[in-house]
């Protein structure tokens, strides 16, 4: 029996389609198209195609994309999503983009956007009349005009703007006469000062979910008490906070207290580790069902930290009744010395070391997989001097497992 026959017999269609999503479109068509009727039928159901122009070995590969791969994708009835991994050859990218713009794409992910390709992409984006989801992973910044052009695309409902290894500073003033956006989900890896965030939200009346970096405006800023009127549908908010006092954060978020169902805060300030402050603040959020917090410190306060005392401020009936639990990892000799976080760890990235971590949590005993079940990318920092080290100490007698990790660094 051939290997392809065994492959077919063992795996159901659903699993084969999942495997196909991990393959580049070029390899997928070269290996499986016209192999047999079953595979050809499955090609009409593939939800995601990955077009990768990196490491193209010659003109023949690009021609195969143009004349074999994309035309076949165009005639699919299920309107698949496209992941387009660009290279630095502007001509190559233009040839593919010119074909993609003729498709009624609803979902497009652009990877490795550079300055030249970015200009051309933005010039043709208005031609994607059905595009509802757009994710751009960029090597370069997008200026304010380019950003506003994207979020005001009529069809666009979800937009993610991610930058490779860099977080760009705030835009200038966003006060401009732009069309109101139809965006419902916005994720942007860029710091917005409070004033610019408030200006941005004026143009997002349909926004339901927001993931954004914020920081203090650096001077006295009046917070708009009518923020909820700009974004009446916003119920899911995730903030990365820098150089913002806790009182400033309260002023910013209080207008949203009657509508948020999920709130996630990531920050680098010891001031945010006071559970009593959080309890007093969160009591006014009547619809809030999910609260996530992570505080990471590489520099400790000048005074001694009492982990038990800090954690005790989160051991109240308010947090227990809400089923919100917390933990602290502490090692004053590591690069990351102190991490306070809600359980389970709320984001997919986690940085740790192998030795001398003291961990306390508000859960007496817990499943060893529970605290880290969201971790997909694990960063382990190694040290040469381990002779006097001990393995991780967990005061709640639990071991820590990373069962869902996809990448290890």
Protein backbone atom coordinates (compact mmCIF):
# COMPACT_ATOMS: atom_id res chain seq x y z
CA UNK A 1 0.00 0.00 0.00
CA UNK A 2 1.38 3.43 -0.95
CA UNK A 3 2.11 6.04 1.69
CA UNK A 4 -0.57 8.32 0.21
CA UNK A 5 -3.16 5.55 0.51
CA UNK A 6 -2.21 4.96 4.14
CA UNK A 7 -2.40 8.69 4.74
CA UNK A 8 -5.94 8.73 3.35
CA UNK A 9 -7.20 5.70 5.21
CA UNK A 10 -5.92 6.71 8.63
CA UNK A 11 -6.92 10.38 8.71
CA UNK A 12 -10.43 11.85 8.50
CA UNK A 13 -11.16 14.85 6.27
CA UNK A 14 -11.24 17.28 9.19
CA UNK A 15 -7.72 16.38 10.30
CA UNK A 16 -6.34 16.47 6.76
CA UNK A 17 -7.74 19.98 6.31
CA UNK A 18 -6.04 21.06 9.54
CA UNK A 19 -2.73 19.67 8.28
CA UNK A 20 -3.17 21.46 4.95
CA UNK A 21 -3.43 24.80 6.77
CA UNK A 22 0.17 24.42 7.99
CA UNK A 23 1.57 23.88 4.49
CA UNK A 24 2.59 26.58 2.05
CA UNK A 25 0.20 26.76 -0.88
CA UNK A 26 2.99 25.96 -3.33
CA UNK A 27 3.95 22.74 -1.51
CA UNK A 28 0.31 21.86 -0.98
CA UNK A 29 -0.61 22.01 -4.67
CA UNK A 30 2.62 20.37 -5.80
CA UNK A 31 2.12 17.44 -3.45
CA UNK A 32 -1.60 16.76 -3.35
CA UNK A 33 -3.47 18.41 -6.22
CA UNK A 34 -4.72 15.88 -8.81
CA UNK A 35 -3.43 13.06 -6.65
CA UNK A 36 -6.94 11.62 -6.48
CA UNK A 37 -10.57 12.71 -6.35
CA UNK A 38 -10.77 12.88 -2.57
CA UNK A 39 -7.88 15.33 -2.28
CA UNK A 40 -9.24 17.45 -5.12
CA UNK A 41 -12.58 17.68 -3.32
CA UNK A 42 -10.82 18.66 -0.10
CA UNK A 43 -9.04 21.48 -1.92
CA UNK A 44 -12.42 23.14 -2.40
CA UNK A 45 -12.93 23.19 1.39
CA UNK A 46 -9.56 24.48 2.61
CA UNK A 47 -10.29 27.53 4.82
CA UNK A 48 -6.77 29.04 4.75
CA UNK A 49 -4.00 29.30 2.17
CA UNK A 50 -0.45 30.43 2.95
CA UNK A 51 1.22 32.16 -0.01
CA UNK A 52 4.90 32.51 0.89
CA UNK A 53 7.19 34.47 -1.43
CA UNK A 54 10.23 34.07 0.81
CA UNK A 55 12.94 31.73 -0.43
CA UNK A 56 11.50 31.57 -3.94
CA UNK A 57 14.17 29.74 -5.91
CA UNK A 58 13.29 30.99 -9.37
CA UNK A 59 10.77 32.44 -11.76
CA UNK A 60 9.12 29.04 -12.15
CA UNK A 61 7.87 29.10 -8.54
CA UNK A 62 6.34 32.54 -8.93
CA UNK A 63 4.75 31.52 -12.24
CA UNK A 64 3.29 28.44 -10.58
CA UNK A 65 1.70 30.64 -7.92
CA UNK A 66 0.29 32.94 -10.59
CA UNK A 67 -0.93 30.41 -13.12
CA UNK A 68 -1.82 27.37 -11.02
CA UNK A 69 -2.31 28.16 -7.33
CA UNK A 70 -4.19 31.46 -7.26
CA UNK A 71 -6.54 30.70 -10.21
CA UNK A 72 -7.65 27.51 -8.46
CA UNK A 73 -8.18 29.36 -5.18
CA UNK A 74 -10.23 32.00 -7.01
CA UNK A 75 -12.86 29.49 -8.04
CA UNK A 76 -13.47 28.08 -4.59
CA UNK A 77 -16.96 28.57 -3.27
CA UNK A 78 -16.11 28.85 0.42
CA UNK A 79 -14.10 32.14 0.12
CA UNK A 80 -10.91 31.03 1.90
CA UNK A 81 -8.63 33.25 3.96
CA UNK A 82 -5.21 34.16 2.57
CA UNK A 83 -1.94 34.53 4.46
CA UNK A 84 0.48 36.42 2.22
CA UNK A 85 4.08 36.27 3.41
CA UNK A 86 5.87 38.98 1.43
CA UNK A 87 9.50 39.17 0.41
CA UNK A 88 11.59 42.22 -0.41
CA UNK A 89 11.04 41.96 -4.15
CA UNK A 90 8.41 44.59 -4.91
CA UNK A 91 7.71 43.20 -8.39
CA UNK A 92 6.97 39.73 -7.04
CA UNK A 93 4.59 41.11 -4.43
CA UNK A 94 2.80 43.36 -6.91
CA UNK A 95 2.17 40.46 -9.26
CA UNK A 96 0.53 38.41 -6.52
CA UNK A 97 -1.40 41.34 -5.04
CA UNK A 98 -2.77 42.22 -8.48
CA UNK A 99 -4.29 38.76 -8.63
CA UNK A 100 -5.56 38.76 -5.05
CA UNK A 101 -7.39 42.06 -5.55
CA UNK A 102 -9.57 40.34 -8.17
CA UNK A 103 -10.79 37.84 -5.58
CA UNK A 104 -13.68 38.54 -3.24
CA UNK A 105 -11.46 38.02 -0.22
CA UNK A 106 -13.02 38.43 3.20
CA UNK A 107 -9.90 37.61 5.22
CA UNK A 108 -6.29 38.62 4.50
CA UNK A 109 -3.13 38.38 6.59
CA UNK A 110 -0.05 40.23 5.38
CA UNK A 111 3.32 39.20 6.84
CA UNK A 112 6.66 41.00 6.56
CA UNK A 113 5.33 44.23 5.10
CA UNK A 114 8.12 46.62 4.16
CA UNK A 115 8.16 50.26 3.06
CA UNK A 116 7.90 49.72 -0.72
CA UNK A 117 5.37 46.91 -0.59
CA UNK A 118 3.38 48.81 2.02
CA UNK A 119 2.82 51.78 -0.26
CA UNK A 120 1.52 49.54 -3.03
CA UNK A 121 -0.63 47.44 -0.71
CA UNK A 122 -2.32 50.53 0.72
CA UNK A 123 -3.00 51.82 -2.78
CA UNK A 124 -5.00 48.73 -3.72
CA UNK A 125 -6.70 47.93 -0.40
CA UNK A 126 -9.83 49.93 -1.39
CA UNK A 127 -10.31 47.40 -4.21
CA UNK A 128 -10.94 44.63 -1.66
CA UNK A 129 -14.62 45.48 -1.37
CA UNK A 130 -15.57 42.41 0.69
CA UNK A 131 -12.60 42.41 3.07
CA UNK A 132 -13.86 42.02 6.65
CA UNK A 133 -10.66 40.87 8.41
CA UNK A 134 -7.17 42.32 7.89
CA UNK A 135 -4.01 41.54 9.84
CA UNK A 136 -0.76 43.30 8.97
CA UNK A 137 2.53 42.17 10.46
CA UNK A 138 4.91 44.94 9.50
CA UNK A 139 8.65 45.57 9.48
CA UNK A 140 8.04 49.32 9.21
CA UNK A 141 5.81 51.93 10.73
CA UNK A 142 2.49 53.00 9.25
CA UNK A 143 1.91 56.71 9.44
CA UNK A 144 -1.31 58.23 10.73
CA UNK A 145 -2.77 58.79 7.26
CA UNK A 146 -2.17 55.15 6.31
CA UNK A 147 -3.63 53.90 9.58
CA UNK A 148 -6.77 56.00 9.20
CA UNK A 149 -7.15 54.88 5.59
CA UNK A 150 -7.30 51.27 6.71
CA UNK A 151 -9.67 51.60 9.67
CA UNK A 152 -12.16 53.56 7.55
CA UNK A 153 -12.46 50.86 4.88
CA UNK A 154 -16.22 50.36 4.69
CA UNK A 155 -16.22 46.56 4.74
CA UNK A 156 -13.56 46.08 7.41
CA UNK A 157 -14.77 44.72 10.76
CA UNK A 158 -11.55 43.43 12.31
CA UNK A 159 -8.05 44.90 12.05
CA UNK A 160 -4.77 43.85 13.65
CA UNK A 161 -1.60 45.92 13.22
CA UNK A 162 1.45 44.11 14.56
CA UNK A 163 5.07 45.21 14.40
CA UNK A 164 8.10 42.94 14.34
CA UNK A 165 10.29 43.39 17.44
CA UNK A 166 9.33 47.00 18.01
CA UNK A 167 6.53 49.07 19.48
CA UNK A 168 6.17 52.40 17.76
CA UNK A 169 5.48 55.60 19.71
CA UNK A 170 2.25 57.52 19.72
CA UNK A 171 0.79 59.23 16.71
CA UNK A 172 0.32 62.96 16.83
CA UNK A 173 -3.14 64.38 17.19
CA UNK A 174 -5.84 62.24 15.57
CA UNK A 175 -8.27 65.14 15.41
CA UNK A 176 -9.22 65.13 11.74
CA UNK A 177 -12.35 64.90 9.70
CA UNK A 178 -12.46 61.22 8.87
CA UNK A 179 -15.32 58.90 8.09
CA UNK A 180 -16.63 56.93 11.05
CA UNK A 181 -15.18 53.44 11.12
CA UNK A 182 -17.10 50.16 11.02
CA UNK A 183 -14.34 48.37 12.95
CA UNK A 184 -15.63 46.04 15.68
CA UNK A 185 -12.29 44.55 16.76
CA UNK A 186 -9.04 46.54 16.82
CA UNK A 187 -5.64 45.26 17.92
CA UNK A 188 -2.68 47.60 17.49
CA UNK A 189 0.85 47.27 18.83
CA UNK A 190 1.48 50.97 19.25
CA UNK A 191 1.48 53.19 22.29
CA UNK A 192 -1.32 55.73 22.40
CA UNK A 193 -1.24 58.56 24.85
CA UNK A 194 -4.51 59.09 26.72
CA UNK A 195 -5.44 62.11 24.62
CA UNK A 196 -4.88 60.26 21.34
CA UNK A 197 -6.78 57.21 22.56
CA UNK A 198 -9.78 59.36 23.37
CA UNK A 199 -9.55 61.01 19.95
CA UNK A 200 -9.34 57.61 18.24
CA UNK A 201 -12.38 56.21 20.02
CA UNK A 202 -14.53 59.02 18.63
CA UNK A 203 -14.29 57.36 15.23
CA UNK A 204 -15.05 53.79 16.39
CA UNK A 205 -18.74 53.76 17.36
CA UNK A 206 -19.16 50.05 16.51
CA UNK A 207 -16.09 48.89 18.44
CA UNK A 208 -16.68 45.81 20.61
CA UNK A 209 -13.16 44.62 21.40
CA UNK A 210 -9.95 46.65 21.79
CA UNK A 211 -6.34 45.58 22.37
CA UNK A 212 -3.98 48.55 22.63
CA UNK A 213 -0.91 50.01 24.37
CA UNK A 214 -1.43 53.18 26.37
CA UNK A 215 0.76 55.57 28.31
CA UNK A 216 0.44 58.84 30.17
CA UNK A 217 0.22 62.02 28.13
CA UNK A 218 3.06 63.39 30.24
CA UNK A 219 1.05 66.31 31.53
CA UNK A 220 -2.29 66.96 33.16
CA UNK A 221 -4.93 65.40 30.92
CA UNK A 222 -8.66 65.80 31.21
CA UNK A 223 -10.33 62.43 30.76
CA UNK A 224 -13.57 62.50 28.84
CA UNK A 225 -16.40 61.34 31.09
CA UNK A 226 -18.50 60.57 28.01
CA UNK A 227 -16.14 57.92 26.69
CA UNK A 228 -18.90 55.32 26.86
CA UNK A 229 -20.94 57.37 24.41
CA UNK A 230 -18.19 57.14 21.79
CA UNK A 231 -17.92 53.33 22.09
CA UNK A 232 -21.30 52.14 23.44
CA UNK A 233 -20.68 48.56 22.24
CA UNK A 234 -17.21 48.10 23.73
CA UNK A 235 -17.31 45.18 26.19
CA UNK A 236 -13.84 43.60 25.88
CA UNK A 237 -10.78 45.72 26.67
CA UNK A 238 -7.13 44.67 26.91
CA UNK A 239 -4.55 47.32 27.80
CA UNK A 240 -0.78 47.31 28.03
CA UNK A 241 -0.07 50.19 30.39
CA UNK A 242 3.15 52.18 30.70
CA UNK A 243 3.95 55.24 32.84
CA UNK A 244 0.34 55.63 33.89
CA UNK A 245 -0.65 56.14 37.52
CA UNK A 246 -3.35 53.88 38.88
CA UNK A 247 -5.55 56.92 39.52
CA UNK A 248 -5.20 57.93 35.87
CA UNK A 249 -6.24 54.45 34.79
CA UNK A 250 -9.32 54.63 37.00
CA UNK A 251 -10.34 57.97 35.51
CA UNK A 252 -9.95 56.57 32.01
CA UNK A 253 -11.92 53.38 32.58
CA UNK A 254 -14.64 54.47 34.98
CA UNK A 255 -16.95 55.71 32.17
CA UNK A 256 -16.91 52.15 30.81
CA UNK A 257 -17.87 50.51 34.11
CA UNK A 258 -21.44 49.78 33.04
CA UNK A 259 -20.55 47.93 29.84
CA UNK A 260 -17.24 46.03 30.12
CA UNK A 261 -17.55 42.25 30.43
CA UNK A 262 -13.83 41.54 30.15
CA UNK A 263 -10.89 43.65 31.30
CA UNK A 264 -7.21 42.68 30.96
CA UNK A 265 -4.36 44.84 32.21
CA UNK A 266 -0.63 44.30 31.65
CA UNK A 267 1.78 46.73 33.28
CA UNK A 268 5.24 47.28 34.73
CA UNK A 269 4.39 49.21 37.89
CA UNK A 270 4.46 48.01 41.49
CA UNK A 271 1.67 50.47 42.28
CA UNK A 272 -0.77 48.13 40.51
CA UNK A 273 -0.10 45.26 42.94
CA UNK A 274 -2.54 46.50 45.61
CA UNK A 275 -5.56 44.20 45.63
CA UNK A 276 -7.57 46.57 47.83
CA UNK A 277 -7.30 49.29 45.18
CA UNK A 278 -8.45 46.88 42.52
CA UNK A 279 -11.37 45.68 44.62
CA UNK A 280 -12.60 49.21 45.32
CA UNK A 281 -12.31 50.05 41.64
CA UNK A 282 -13.81 46.89 40.16
CA UNK A 283 -16.86 46.83 42.41
CA UNK A 284 -18.48 49.39 40.12
CA UNK A 285 -18.09 47.13 37.05
CA UNK A 286 -21.39 45.33 37.39
CA UNK A 287 -21.18 43.31 34.14
CA UNK A 288 -17.53 42.31 34.46
CA UNK A 289 -17.10 38.53 34.27
CA UNK A 290 -13.44 38.19 33.33
CA UNK A 291 -10.58 40.14 34.88
CA UNK A 292 -6.95 39.47 33.97
CA UNK A 293 -3.90 41.14 35.45
CA UNK A 294 -0.17 40.72 35.01
CA UNK A 295 2.49 42.94 36.57
CA UNK A 296 6.12 42.37 35.61
CA UNK A 297 9.02 44.06 37.42
CA UNK A 298 12.69 43.95 36.50
CA UNK A 299 13.46 46.56 39.17
CA UNK A 300 12.20 46.19 42.73
CA UNK A 301 11.15 48.97 45.10
CA UNK A 302 13.81 50.20 47.52
CA UNK A 303 11.97 48.63 50.45
CA UNK A 304 11.54 44.92 51.14
CA UNK A 305 8.68 43.17 49.36
CA UNK A 306 6.39 41.03 51.49
CA UNK A 307 4.81 38.54 49.09
CA UNK A 308 2.30 37.18 51.59
CA UNK A 309 1.10 40.65 52.47
CA UNK A 310 0.68 41.63 48.82
CA UNK A 311 -1.17 38.44 47.99
CA UNK A 312 -3.43 38.79 51.05
CA UNK A 313 -4.98 41.91 49.48
CA UNK A 314 -6.32 39.64 46.72
CA UNK A 315 -7.65 37.03 49.19
CA UNK A 316 -11.02 38.62 49.87
CA UNK A 317 -14.59 37.50 49.38
CA UNK A 318 -14.89 39.87 46.44
CA UNK A 319 -12.19 38.07 44.44
CA UNK A 320 -13.16 34.60 45.62
CA UNK A 321 -16.85 35.14 44.78
CA UNK A 322 -15.81 36.31 41.32
CA UNK A 323 -13.52 33.26 40.92
CA UNK A 324 -10.55 35.52 40.28
CA UNK A 325 -7.33 34.01 41.63
CA UNK A 326 -3.77 35.33 41.63
CA UNK A 327 -0.16 34.23 42.03
CA UNK A 328 3.26 35.80 42.52
CA UNK A 329 6.58 34.54 41.15
CA UNK A 330 9.56 36.05 42.93
CA UNK A 331 13.32 35.86 42.48
CA UNK A 332 15.24 39.05 43.35
CA UNK A 333 18.38 37.78 41.58
CA UNK A 334 16.79 37.16 38.17
CA UNK A 335 16.33 39.67 35.35
CA UNK A 336 12.58 39.51 35.87
CA UNK A 337 12.34 39.65 39.63
CA UNK A 338 8.64 39.91 40.42
CA UNK A 339 5.54 38.85 38.52
CA UNK A 340 2.02 39.13 39.91
CA UNK A 341 -0.64 37.63 37.66
CA UNK A 342 -4.17 36.37 37.55
CA UNK A 343 -4.70 32.64 37.16
CA UNK A 344 -4.36 31.15 34.72
CA UNK A 345 -1.52 33.25 33.24
CA UNK A 346 -3.54 35.52 30.93
CA UNK A 347 -1.40 35.81 27.78
CA UNK A 348 0.36 33.38 25.45
CA UNK A 349 3.92 34.58 26.18
CA UNK A 350 5.65 33.56 29.39
CA UNK A 351 9.22 34.24 30.58
CA UNK A 352 10.73 32.19 33.39
CA UNK A 353 13.90 30.62 34.80
CA UNK A 354 14.49 27.10 36.08
CA UNK A 355 15.81 27.80 39.56
CA UNK A 356 15.05 29.62 42.80
CA UNK A 357 11.59 30.90 41.96
CA UNK A 358 9.36 31.35 44.96
CA UNK A 359 5.70 31.08 44.03
CA UNK A 360 2.64 31.87 46.10
CA UNK A 361 -0.97 31.83 44.98
CA UNK A 362 -4.46 32.40 46.33
CA UNK A 363 -5.46 28.85 45.35
CA UNK A 364 -4.62 26.30 48.04
CA UNK A 365 -4.11 23.41 45.63
CA UNK A 366 -4.48 23.50 41.87
CA UNK A 367 -4.04 21.39 38.77
CA UNK A 368 -0.38 21.69 37.64
CA UNK A 369 -1.60 22.54 34.12
CA UNK A 370 -4.05 25.21 35.23
CA UNK A 371 -1.79 28.20 35.88
CA UNK A 372 0.01 27.98 32.52
CA UNK A 373 -2.62 26.54 30.20
CA UNK A 374 -2.67 29.72 28.07
CA UNK A 375 1.09 29.73 27.48
CA UNK A 376 2.02 29.01 23.87
CA UNK A 377 5.43 30.69 23.67
CA UNK A 378 7.77 29.88 26.55
CA UNK A 379 10.99 31.81 27.16
CA UNK A 380 13.39 30.09 29.58
CA UNK A 381 16.41 32.05 30.74
CA UNK A 382 19.41 29.88 31.58
CA UNK A 383 22.28 30.67 33.94
CA UNK A 384 25.77 29.17 34.13
CA UNK A 385 25.92 29.22 37.91
CA UNK A 386 23.46 26.65 39.17
CA UNK A 387 25.55 24.73 41.72
CA UNK A 388 23.87 26.36 44.70
CA UNK A 389 20.48 26.60 43.05
CA UNK A 390 17.35 24.74 43.85
CA UNK A 391 14.45 23.94 41.62
CA UNK A 392 11.35 26.05 41.66
CA UNK A 393 9.70 26.32 45.04
CA UNK A 394 5.93 26.42 45.08
CA UNK A 395 4.41 27.10 48.47
CA UNK A 396 1.19 25.43 47.38
CA UNK A 397 2.95 22.12 46.73
CA UNK A 398 2.27 22.18 43.01
CA UNK A 399 4.48 21.54 40.01
CA UNK A 400 4.15 23.69 36.93
CA UNK A 401 3.59 22.15 33.50
CA UNK A 402 3.46 23.87 30.12
CA UNK A 403 1.28 21.44 28.22
CA UNK A 404 0.16 23.79 25.43
CA UNK A 405 3.52 25.30 24.48
CA UNK A 406 4.13 25.61 20.74
CA UNK A 407 7.52 27.34 20.78
CA UNK A 408 10.42 27.24 23.24
CA UNK A 409 13.16 29.87 23.37
